[in-house]
N, C-alpha and C. Protein backbone atom coordinates (compact mmCIF):
# COMPACT_ATOMS: atom_id res chain seq x y z
N MET A 1 37.70 18.96 -21.61
CA MET A 1 36.53 18.88 -22.47
C MET A 1 36.16 17.43 -22.75
N GLN A 2 37.18 16.61 -22.89
CA GLN A 2 36.94 15.20 -23.19
C GLN A 2 36.22 14.51 -22.03
N THR A 3 36.56 14.85 -20.79
CA THR A 3 35.90 14.22 -19.64
C THR A 3 34.44 14.63 -19.53
N VAL A 4 34.12 15.86 -19.91
CA VAL A 4 32.73 16.31 -19.91
C VAL A 4 31.95 15.52 -20.95
N MET A 5 32.51 15.30 -22.12
CA MET A 5 31.85 14.52 -23.17
C MET A 5 31.67 13.08 -22.72
N ASN A 6 32.66 12.54 -22.03
CA ASN A 6 32.53 11.16 -21.55
C ASN A 6 31.41 11.05 -20.52
N LEU A 7 31.27 12.06 -19.66
CA LEU A 7 30.19 12.03 -18.68
C LEU A 7 28.82 12.15 -19.33
N LEU A 8 28.74 13.01 -20.35
CA LEU A 8 27.46 13.21 -21.02
C LEU A 8 27.07 12.00 -21.88
N LEU A 9 28.03 11.30 -22.40
CA LEU A 9 27.77 10.18 -23.30
C LEU A 9 28.14 8.85 -22.62
N GLN A 10 27.62 8.62 -21.44
CA GLN A 10 27.91 7.38 -20.74
C GLN A 10 27.39 6.20 -21.55
N GLU A 11 28.10 5.11 -21.46
CA GLU A 11 27.71 3.94 -22.24
C GLU A 11 26.55 3.18 -21.62
N SER A 12 26.45 3.19 -20.31
CA SER A 12 25.35 2.46 -19.67
C SER A 12 24.54 3.42 -18.80
N PRO A 13 23.25 3.13 -18.68
CA PRO A 13 22.42 3.99 -17.83
C PRO A 13 22.76 3.78 -16.36
N PRO A 14 22.43 4.72 -15.52
CA PRO A 14 22.72 4.56 -14.10
C PRO A 14 21.92 3.41 -13.50
N ASN A 15 22.45 2.80 -12.47
CA ASN A 15 21.81 1.68 -11.82
C ASN A 15 20.74 2.21 -10.86
N THR A 16 19.48 1.93 -11.17
CA THR A 16 18.36 2.41 -10.34
C THR A 16 17.58 1.24 -9.73
N ASP A 17 18.22 0.11 -9.58
CA ASP A 17 17.54 -1.06 -9.03
C ASP A 17 17.05 -0.82 -7.61
N ALA A 18 17.83 -0.11 -6.82
CA ALA A 18 17.44 0.15 -5.43
C ALA A 18 16.16 0.98 -5.39
N TYR A 19 16.03 1.95 -6.29
CA TYR A 19 14.82 2.76 -6.33
C TYR A 19 13.61 1.93 -6.74
N MET A 20 13.79 1.01 -7.66
CA MET A 20 12.70 0.14 -8.08
C MET A 20 12.24 -0.74 -6.92
N VAL A 21 13.18 -1.33 -6.21
CA VAL A 21 12.84 -2.17 -5.07
C VAL A 21 12.15 -1.34 -3.99
N ALA A 22 12.65 -0.16 -3.72
CA ALA A 22 12.03 0.71 -2.73
C ALA A 22 10.61 1.08 -3.14
N GLY A 23 10.40 1.33 -4.41
CA GLY A 23 9.06 1.63 -4.91
C GLY A 23 8.10 0.47 -4.71
N TYR A 24 8.56 -0.74 -5.01
CA TYR A 24 7.70 -1.91 -4.80
C TYR A 24 7.39 -2.10 -3.32
N ILE A 25 8.36 -1.88 -2.46
CA ILE A 25 8.13 -2.02 -1.02
C ILE A 25 7.07 -1.02 -0.56
N VAL A 26 7.17 0.21 -1.04
CA VAL A 26 6.20 1.24 -0.66
C VAL A 26 4.81 0.86 -1.16
N ILE A 27 4.71 0.45 -2.42
CA ILE A 27 3.41 0.11 -3.01
C ILE A 27 2.77 -1.05 -2.26
N PHE A 28 3.52 -2.13 -2.02
CA PHE A 28 2.96 -3.28 -1.33
C PHE A 28 2.67 -2.96 0.13
N GLY A 29 3.45 -2.09 0.74
CA GLY A 29 3.17 -1.66 2.10
C GLY A 29 1.85 -0.90 2.19
N VAL A 30 1.63 0.00 1.25
CA VAL A 30 0.37 0.74 1.23
C VAL A 30 -0.81 -0.20 0.99
N MET A 31 -0.65 -1.16 0.07
CA MET A 31 -1.72 -2.12 -0.17
C MET A 31 -2.00 -2.96 1.07
N LEU A 32 -0.97 -3.36 1.79
CA LEU A 32 -1.15 -4.15 3.01
C LEU A 32 -1.89 -3.34 4.08
N ILE A 33 -1.51 -2.09 4.24
CA ILE A 33 -2.20 -1.23 5.20
C ILE A 33 -3.66 -1.07 4.81
N TYR A 34 -3.95 -0.92 3.53
CA TYR A 34 -5.33 -0.78 3.06
C TYR A 34 -6.13 -2.05 3.34
N LEU A 35 -5.53 -3.21 3.08
CA LEU A 35 -6.23 -4.47 3.34
C LEU A 35 -6.50 -4.67 4.83
N VAL A 36 -5.55 -4.33 5.67
CA VAL A 36 -5.76 -4.42 7.12
C VAL A 36 -6.89 -3.48 7.53
N SER A 37 -6.93 -2.30 6.96
CA SER A 37 -7.99 -1.34 7.24
C SER A 37 -9.36 -1.91 6.84
N LEU A 38 -9.42 -2.58 5.69
CA LEU A 38 -10.68 -3.18 5.26
C LEU A 38 -11.13 -4.29 6.19
N VAL A 39 -10.21 -5.10 6.67
CA VAL A 39 -10.55 -6.18 7.59
C VAL A 39 -11.08 -5.60 8.90
N ILE A 40 -10.43 -4.57 9.41
CA ILE A 40 -10.88 -3.93 10.65
C ILE A 40 -12.27 -3.34 10.47
N ARG A 41 -12.51 -2.69 9.34
CA ARG A 41 -13.83 -2.12 9.08
C ARG A 41 -14.89 -3.20 8.98
N GLN A 42 -14.57 -4.31 8.33
CA GLN A 42 -15.51 -5.42 8.19
C GLN A 42 -15.89 -5.98 9.56
N ARG A 43 -14.90 -6.16 10.42
CA ARG A 43 -15.19 -6.67 11.77
C ARG A 43 -16.08 -5.70 12.54
N SER A 44 -15.80 -4.42 12.41
CA SER A 44 -16.61 -3.42 13.09
C SER A 44 -18.05 -3.44 12.57
N LEU A 45 -18.19 -3.53 11.26
CA LEU A 45 -19.54 -3.58 10.68
C LEU A 45 -20.28 -4.83 11.11
N SER A 46 -19.60 -5.95 11.20
CA SER A 46 -20.24 -7.19 11.64
C SER A 46 -20.73 -7.06 13.08
N LYS A 47 -19.92 -6.46 13.94
CA LYS A 47 -20.34 -6.25 15.32
C LYS A 47 -21.53 -5.31 15.40
N ASP A 48 -21.51 -4.24 14.60
CA ASP A 48 -22.63 -3.30 14.58
C ASP A 48 -23.90 -3.98 14.10
N LEU A 49 -23.79 -4.80 13.06
CA LEU A 49 -24.95 -5.51 12.54
C LEU A 49 -25.51 -6.47 13.58
N GLU A 50 -24.64 -7.19 14.27
CA GLU A 50 -25.08 -8.11 15.31
C GLU A 50 -25.79 -7.35 16.44
N LEU A 51 -25.25 -6.21 16.82
CA LEU A 51 -25.88 -5.40 17.87
C LEU A 51 -27.25 -4.91 17.42
N LEU A 52 -27.36 -4.44 16.19
CA LEU A 52 -28.65 -3.97 15.68
C LEU A 52 -29.67 -5.11 15.61
N GLU A 53 -29.22 -6.29 15.21
CA GLU A 53 -30.14 -7.43 15.15
C GLU A 53 -30.60 -7.83 16.56
N ASP A 54 -29.68 -7.75 17.53
CA ASP A 54 -30.06 -8.05 18.92
C ASP A 54 -31.08 -7.03 19.43
N LEU A 55 -30.85 -5.77 19.14
CA LEU A 55 -31.79 -4.72 19.56
C LEU A 55 -33.14 -4.90 18.90
N GLU A 56 -33.13 -5.27 17.63
CA GLU A 56 -34.40 -5.45 16.91
C GLU A 56 -35.16 -6.65 17.46
N SER A 57 -34.49 -7.74 17.74
CA SER A 57 -35.17 -8.92 18.26
C SER A 57 -35.67 -8.70 19.69
N GLY A 58 -35.03 -7.83 20.43
CA GLY A 58 -35.45 -7.53 21.79
C GLY A 58 -36.71 -6.68 21.82
N LYS A 59 -36.95 -5.89 20.81
CA LYS A 59 -38.13 -5.02 20.77
C LYS A 59 -39.39 -5.80 20.44
N LYS A 60 -39.27 -6.91 19.74
CA LYS A 60 -40.45 -7.65 19.30
C LYS A 60 -41.02 -8.50 20.37
């Protein structure tokens, strides 16, 4: 009975540092993927805009 009470009344909380670091890695990884996606989209939009401007200037 005493060992059960000792387990329930631990003096220090469990060490969850690894979970915190893993969480930060996941969050920053997702943000990095999102930023790369935005850069790729911006490049694609710039190319599309340039193509449309070329087509418009060719018609005039």
